[in-house]
Amino acid sequence: LDARLLLMHIWAMTQSYADYAIQTRVMLGLPPEAPIDREPIARELVAFVLGGCGIKA
């Protein structure tokens, strides 16, 4: 696993939620101004990254 690429992947996964907040709300079925619950997103991303590193979350 290339650590530099891992950092870029983590950045890309998290940054996309900020850059595409409107699309994120649509995909989650939320109204345009509704807050996004970040906790389940964070859990999913942590499990995804750790799983890719061979670590059980």
PDB file of N, CA and C in Angstrom:
ATOM      1  N   LEU A   1       0.858  -1.179   0.000  1.00  0.00           N
ATOM      2  CA  LEU A   1       0.000   0.000   0.000  1.00  0.00           C
ATOM      3  C   LEU A   1       0.897   1.232   0.000  1.00  0.00           C
ATOM      4  N   ASP A   2       0.702   2.090  -0.946  1.00  0.00           N
ATOM      5  CA  ASP A   2       1.468   3.332  -1.041  1.00  0.00           C
ATOM      6  C   ASP A   2       0.806   4.370  -0.129  1.00  0.00           C
ATOM      7  N   ALA A   3       1.520   4.804   0.885  1.00  0.00           N
ATOM      8  CA  ALA A   3       0.966   5.737   1.873  1.00  0.00           C
ATOM      9  C   ALA A   3       0.529   7.046   1.226  1.00  0.00           C
ATOM     10  N   ARG A   4       1.265   7.511   0.235  1.00  0.00           N
ATOM     11  CA  ARG A   4       0.891   8.771  -0.432  1.00  0.00           C
ATOM     12  C   ARG A   4      -0.449   8.625  -1.149  1.00  0.00           C
ATOM     13  N   LEU A   5      -0.617   7.501  -1.831  1.00  0.00           N
ATOM     14  CA  LEU A   5      -1.895   7.273  -2.517  1.00  0.00           C
ATOM     15  C   LEU A   5      -3.033   7.084  -1.524  1.00  0.00           C
ATOM     16  N   LEU A   6      -2.748   6.408  -0.413  1.00  0.00           N
ATOM     17  CA  LEU A   6      -3.768   6.230   0.622  1.00  0.00           C
ATOM     18  C   LEU A   6      -4.257   7.586   1.129  1.00  0.00           C
ATOM     19  N   LEU A   7      -3.323   8.495   1.399  1.00  0.00           N
ATOM     20  CA  LEU A   7      -3.712   9.834   1.858  1.00  0.00           C
ATOM     21  C   LEU A   7      -4.538  10.563   0.800  1.00  0.00           C
ATOM     22  N   MET A   8      -4.155  10.411  -0.461  1.00  0.00           N
ATOM     23  CA  MET A   8      -4.921  11.054  -1.533  1.00  0.00           C
ATOM     24  C   MET A   8      -6.321  10.462  -1.635  1.00  0.00           C
ATOM     25  N   HIS A   9      -6.442   9.146  -1.451  1.00  0.00           N
ATOM     26  CA  HIS A   9      -7.759   8.502  -1.495  1.00  0.00           C
ATOM     27  C   HIS A   9      -8.638   8.980  -0.338  1.00  0.00           C
ATOM     28  N   ILE A  10      -8.059   9.048   0.850  1.00  0.00           N
ATOM     29  CA  ILE A  10      -8.818   9.521   2.017  1.00  0.00           C
ATOM     30  C   ILE A  10      -9.276  10.955   1.786  1.00  0.00           C
ATOM     31  N   TRP A  11      -8.364  11.794   1.299  1.00  0.00           N
ATOM     32  CA  TRP A  11      -8.724  13.184   1.016  1.00  0.00           C
ATOM     33  C   TRP A  11      -9.863  13.241   0.003  1.00  0.00           C
ATOM     34  N   ALA A  12      -9.747  12.478  -1.081  1.00  0.00           N
ATOM     35  CA  ALA A  12     -10.763  12.512  -2.134  1.00  0.00           C
ATOM     36  C   ALA A  12     -12.125  12.057  -1.612  1.00  0.00           C
ATOM     37  N   MET A  13     -12.125  11.001  -0.805  1.00  0.00           N
ATOM     38  CA  MET A  13     -13.399  10.495  -0.280  1.00  0.00           C
ATOM     39  C   MET A  13     -14.070  11.513   0.625  1.00  0.00           C
ATOM     40  N   THR A  14     -13.297  12.164   1.471  1.00  0.00           N
ATOM     41  CA  THR A  14     -13.896  13.110   2.409  1.00  0.00           C
ATOM     42  C   THR A  14     -14.201  14.446   1.745  1.00  0.00           C
ATOM     43  N   GLN A  15     -13.341  14.904   0.865  1.00  0.00           N
ATOM     44  CA  GLN A  15     -13.541  16.193   0.203  1.00  0.00           C
ATOM     45  C   GLN A  15     -14.769  16.183  -0.691  1.00  0.00           C
ATOM     46  N   SER A  16     -15.070  15.050  -1.268  1.00  0.00           N
ATOM     47  CA  SER A  16     -16.224  14.984  -2.176  1.00  0.00           C
ATOM     48  C   SER A  16     -17.527  15.324  -1.455  1.00  0.00           C
ATOM     49  N   TYR A  17     -17.629  14.981  -0.180  1.00  0.00           N
ATOM     50  CA  TYR A  17     -18.845  15.318   0.573  1.00  0.00           C
ATOM     51  C   TYR A  17     -18.978  16.824   0.752  1.00  0.00           C
ATOM     52  N   ALA A  18     -17.852  17.524   0.877  1.00  0.00           N
ATOM     53  CA  ALA A  18     -17.886  18.978   1.007  1.00  0.00           C
ATOM     54  C   ALA A  18     -18.155  19.644  -0.341  1.00  0.00           C
ATOM     55  N   ASP A  19     -17.463  19.175  -1.375  1.00  0.00           N
ATOM     56  CA  ASP A  19     -17.603  19.785  -2.697  1.00  0.00           C
ATOM     57  C   ASP A  19     -18.954  19.502  -3.341  1.00  0.00           C
ATOM     58  N   TYR A  20     -19.525  18.366  -3.022  1.00  0.00           N
ATOM     59  CA  TYR A  20     -20.772  17.953  -3.662  1.00  0.00           C
ATOM     60  C   TYR A  20     -21.879  17.752  -2.637  1.00  0.00           C
ATOM     61  N   ALA A  21     -22.013  18.706  -1.726  1.00  0.00           N
ATOM     62  CA  ALA A  21     -23.002  18.597  -0.651  1.00  0.00           C
ATOM     63  C   ALA A  21     -24.425  18.490  -1.199  1.00  0.00           C
ATOM     64  N   ILE A  22     -24.717  19.226  -2.260  1.00  0.00           N
ATOM     65  CA  ILE A  22     -26.066  19.176  -2.831  1.00  0.00           C
ATOM     66  C   ILE A  22     -26.350  17.780  -3.382  1.00  0.00           C
ATOM     67  N   GLN A  23     -25.386  17.233  -4.126  1.00  0.00           N
ATOM     68  CA  GLN A  23     -25.560  15.893  -4.678  1.00  0.00           C
ATOM     69  C   GLN A  23     -25.642  14.848  -3.568  1.00  0.00           C
ATOM     70  N   THR A  24     -24.869  15.052  -2.505  1.00  0.00           N
ATOM     71  CA  THR A  24     -24.899  14.135  -1.367  1.00  0.00           C
ATOM     72  C   THR A  24     -26.290  14.110  -0.753  1.00  0.00           C
ATOM     73  N   ARG A  25     -26.887  15.291  -0.584  1.00  0.00           N
ATOM     74  CA  ARG A  25     -28.239  15.357  -0.020  1.00  0.00           C
ATOM     75  C   ARG A  25     -29.240  14.622  -0.914  1.00  0.00           C
ATOM     76  N   VAL A  26     -29.122  14.799  -2.225  1.00  0.00           N
ATOM     77  CA  VAL A  26     -30.022  14.111  -3.158  1.00  0.00           C
ATOM     78  C   VAL A  26     -29.857  12.602  -3.021  1.00  0.00           C
ATOM     79  N   MET A  27     -28.604  12.127  -3.011  1.00  0.00           N
ATOM     80  CA  MET A  27     -28.345  10.686  -2.916  1.00  0.00           C
ATOM     81  C   MET A  27     -28.857  10.102  -1.601  1.00  0.00           C
ATOM     82  N   LEU A  28     -28.827  10.916  -0.530  1.00  0.00           N
ATOM     83  CA  LEU A  28     -29.303  10.462   0.774  1.00  0.00           C
ATOM     84  C   LEU A  28     -30.800  10.706   0.964  1.00  0.00           C
ATOM     85  N   GLY A  29     -31.442  11.326  -0.024  1.00  0.00           N
ATOM     86  CA  GLY A  29     -32.878  11.588   0.062  1.00  0.00           C
ATOM     87  C   GLY A  29     -33.230  12.703   1.024  1.00  0.00           C
ATOM     88  N   LEU A  30     -32.329  13.670   1.180  1.00  0.00           N
ATOM     89  CA  LEU A  30     -32.549  14.778   2.103  1.00  0.00           C
ATOM     90  C   LEU A  30     -33.012  16.025   1.358  1.00  0.00           C
ATOM     91  N   PRO A  31     -33.792  16.888   2.032  1.00  0.00           N
ATOM     92  CA  PRO A  31     -34.147  18.173   1.435  1.00  0.00           C
ATOM     93  C   PRO A  31     -32.879  19.022   1.236  1.00  0.00           C
ATOM     94  N   PRO A  32     -32.927  20.000   0.328  1.00  0.00           N
ATOM     95  CA  PRO A  32     -31.738  20.787  -0.008  1.00  0.00           C
ATOM     96  C   PRO A  32     -31.024  21.447   1.172  1.00  0.00           C
ATOM     97  N   GLU A  33     -31.752  21.905   2.171  1.00  0.00           N
ATOM     98  CA  GLU A  33     -31.112  22.611   3.289  1.00  0.00           C
ATOM     99  C   GLU A  33     -30.936  21.747   4.538  1.00  0.00           C
ATOM    100  N   ALA A  34     -31.288  20.485   4.450  1.00  0.00           N
ATOM    101  CA  ALA A  34     -31.181  19.604   5.621  1.00  0.00           C
ATOM    102  C   ALA A  34     -29.719  19.352   5.966  1.00  0.00           C
ATOM    103  N   PRO A  35     -29.415  19.300   7.263  1.00  0.00           N
ATOM    104  CA  PRO A  35     -28.040  18.971   7.646  1.00  0.00           C
ATOM    105  C   PRO A  35     -27.726  17.518   7.299  1.00  0.00           C
ATOM    106  N   ILE A  36     -26.473  17.275   6.975  1.00  0.00           N
ATOM    107  CA  ILE A  36     -26.021  15.916   6.666  1.00  0.00           C
ATOM    108  C   ILE A  36     -25.466  15.305   7.943  1.00  0.00           C
ATOM    109  N   ASP A  37     -25.994  14.149   8.321  1.00  0.00           N
ATOM    110  CA  ASP A  37     -25.494  13.437   9.500  1.00  0.00           C
ATOM    111  C   ASP A  37     -24.147  12.822   9.136  1.00  0.00           C
ATOM    112  N   ARG A  38     -23.085  13.384   9.672  1.00  0.00           N
ATOM    113  CA  ARG A  38     -21.733  12.962   9.296  1.00  0.00           C
ATOM    114  C   ARG A  38     -21.283  11.668   9.968  1.00  0.00           C
ATOM    115  N   GLU A  39     -21.918  11.298  11.047  1.00  0.00           N
ATOM    116  CA  GLU A  39     -21.475  10.117  11.802  1.00  0.00           C
ATOM    117  C   GLU A  39     -21.521   8.824  10.986  1.00  0.00           C
ATOM    118  N   PRO A  40     -22.646   8.499  10.337  1.00  0.00           N
ATOM    119  CA  PRO A  40     -22.646   7.259   9.548  1.00  0.00           C
ATOM    120  C   PRO A  40     -21.678   7.315   8.361  1.00  0.00           C
ATOM    121  N   ILE A  41     -21.499   8.497   7.796  1.00  0.00           N
ATOM    122  CA  ILE A  41     -20.536   8.648   6.703  1.00  0.00           C
ATOM    123  C   ILE A  41     -19.129   8.383   7.215  1.00  0.00           C
ATOM    124  N   ALA A  42     -18.794   8.944   8.370  1.00  0.00           N
ATOM    125  CA  ALA A  42     -17.463   8.736   8.954  1.00  0.00           C
ATOM    126  C   ALA A  42     -17.231   7.265   9.275  1.00  0.00           C
ATOM    127  N   ARG A  43     -18.232   6.602   9.853  1.00  0.00           N
ATOM    128  CA  ARG A  43     -18.085   5.171  10.163  1.00  0.00           C
ATOM    129  C   ARG A  43     -17.829   4.356   8.898  1.00  0.00           C
ATOM    130  N   GLU A  44     -18.572   4.657   7.853  1.00  0.00           N
ATOM    131  CA  GLU A  44     -18.421   3.939   6.584  1.00  0.00           C
ATOM    132  C   GLU A  44     -17.030   4.153   5.987  1.00  0.00           C
ATOM    133  N   LEU A  45     -16.572   5.399   5.997  1.00  0.00           N
ATOM    134  CA  LEU A  45     -15.253   5.694   5.436  1.00  0.00           C
ATOM    135  C   LEU A  45     -14.138   5.041   6.246  1.00  0.00           C
ATOM    136  N   VAL A  46     -14.252   5.076   7.564  1.00  0.00           N
ATOM    137  CA  VAL A  46     -13.238   4.439   8.412  1.00  0.00           C
ATOM    138  C   VAL A  46     -13.195   2.939   8.148  1.00  0.00           C
ATOM    139  N   ALA A  47     -14.361   2.306   8.089  1.00  0.00           N
ATOM    140  CA  ALA A  47     -14.408   0.864   7.824  1.00  0.00           C
ATOM    141  C   ALA A  47     -13.833   0.549   6.444  1.00  0.00           C
ATOM    142  N   PHE A  48     -14.132   1.377   5.461  1.00  0.00           N
ATOM    143  CA  PHE A  48     -13.643   1.177   4.100  1.00  0.00           C
ATOM    144  C   PHE A  48     -12.120   1.282   4.039  1.00  0.00           C
ATOM    145  N   VAL A  49     -11.574   2.339   4.640  1.00  0.00           N
ATOM    146  CA  VAL A  49     -10.118   2.545   4.610  1.00  0.00           C
ATOM    147  C   VAL A  49      -9.402   1.460   5.400  1.00  0.00           C
ATOM    148  N   LEU A  50      -9.881   1.179   6.612  1.00  0.00           N
ATOM    149  CA  LEU A  50      -9.227   0.143   7.415  1.00  0.00           C
ATOM    150  C   LEU A  50      -9.328  -1.220   6.741  1.00  0.00           C
ATOM    151  N   GLY A  51     -10.483  -1.514   6.148  1.00  0.00           N
ATOM    152  CA  GLY A  51     -10.643  -2.778   5.431  1.00  0.00           C
ATOM    153  C   GLY A  51      -9.663  -2.893   4.277  1.00  0.00           C
ATOM    154  N   GLY A  52      -9.439  -1.789   3.573  1.00  0.00           N
ATOM    155  CA  GLY A  52      -8.472  -1.774   2.486  1.00  0.00           C
ATOM    156  C   GLY A  52      -7.052  -1.988   2.969  1.00  0.00           C
ATOM    157  N   CYS A  53      -6.817  -1.651   4.230  1.00  0.00           N
ATOM    158  CA  CYS A  53      -5.496  -1.858   4.837  1.00  0.00           C
ATOM    159  C   CYS A  53      -5.394  -3.229   5.498  1.00  0.00           C
ATOM    160  N   GLY A  54      -6.464  -4.011   5.411  1.00  0.00           N
ATOM    161  CA  GLY A  54      -6.455  -5.343   6.005  1.00  0.00           C
ATOM    162  C   GLY A  54      -6.740  -5.360   7.494  1.00  0.00           C
ATOM    163  N   ILE A  55      -7.357  -4.282   7.994  1.00  0.00           N
ATOM    164  CA  ILE A  55      -7.660  -4.161   9.422  1.00  0.00           C
ATOM    165  C   ILE A  55      -9.173  -4.200   9.598  1.00  0.00           C
ATOM    166  N   LYS A  56      -9.665  -5.030  10.519  1.00  0.00           N
ATOM    167  CA  LYS A  56     -11.100  -5.061  10.804  1.00  0.00           C
ATOM    168  C   LYS A  56     -11.474  -3.841  11.626  1.00  0.00           C
ATOM    169  N   ALA A  57     -12.568  -3.190  11.229  1.00  0.00           N
ATOM    170  CA  ALA A  57     -13.011  -1.991  11.951  1.00  0.00           C
ATOM    171  C   ALA A  57     -13.840  -2.383  13.151  1.00  0.00           C
TER     172      ALA A  57
END
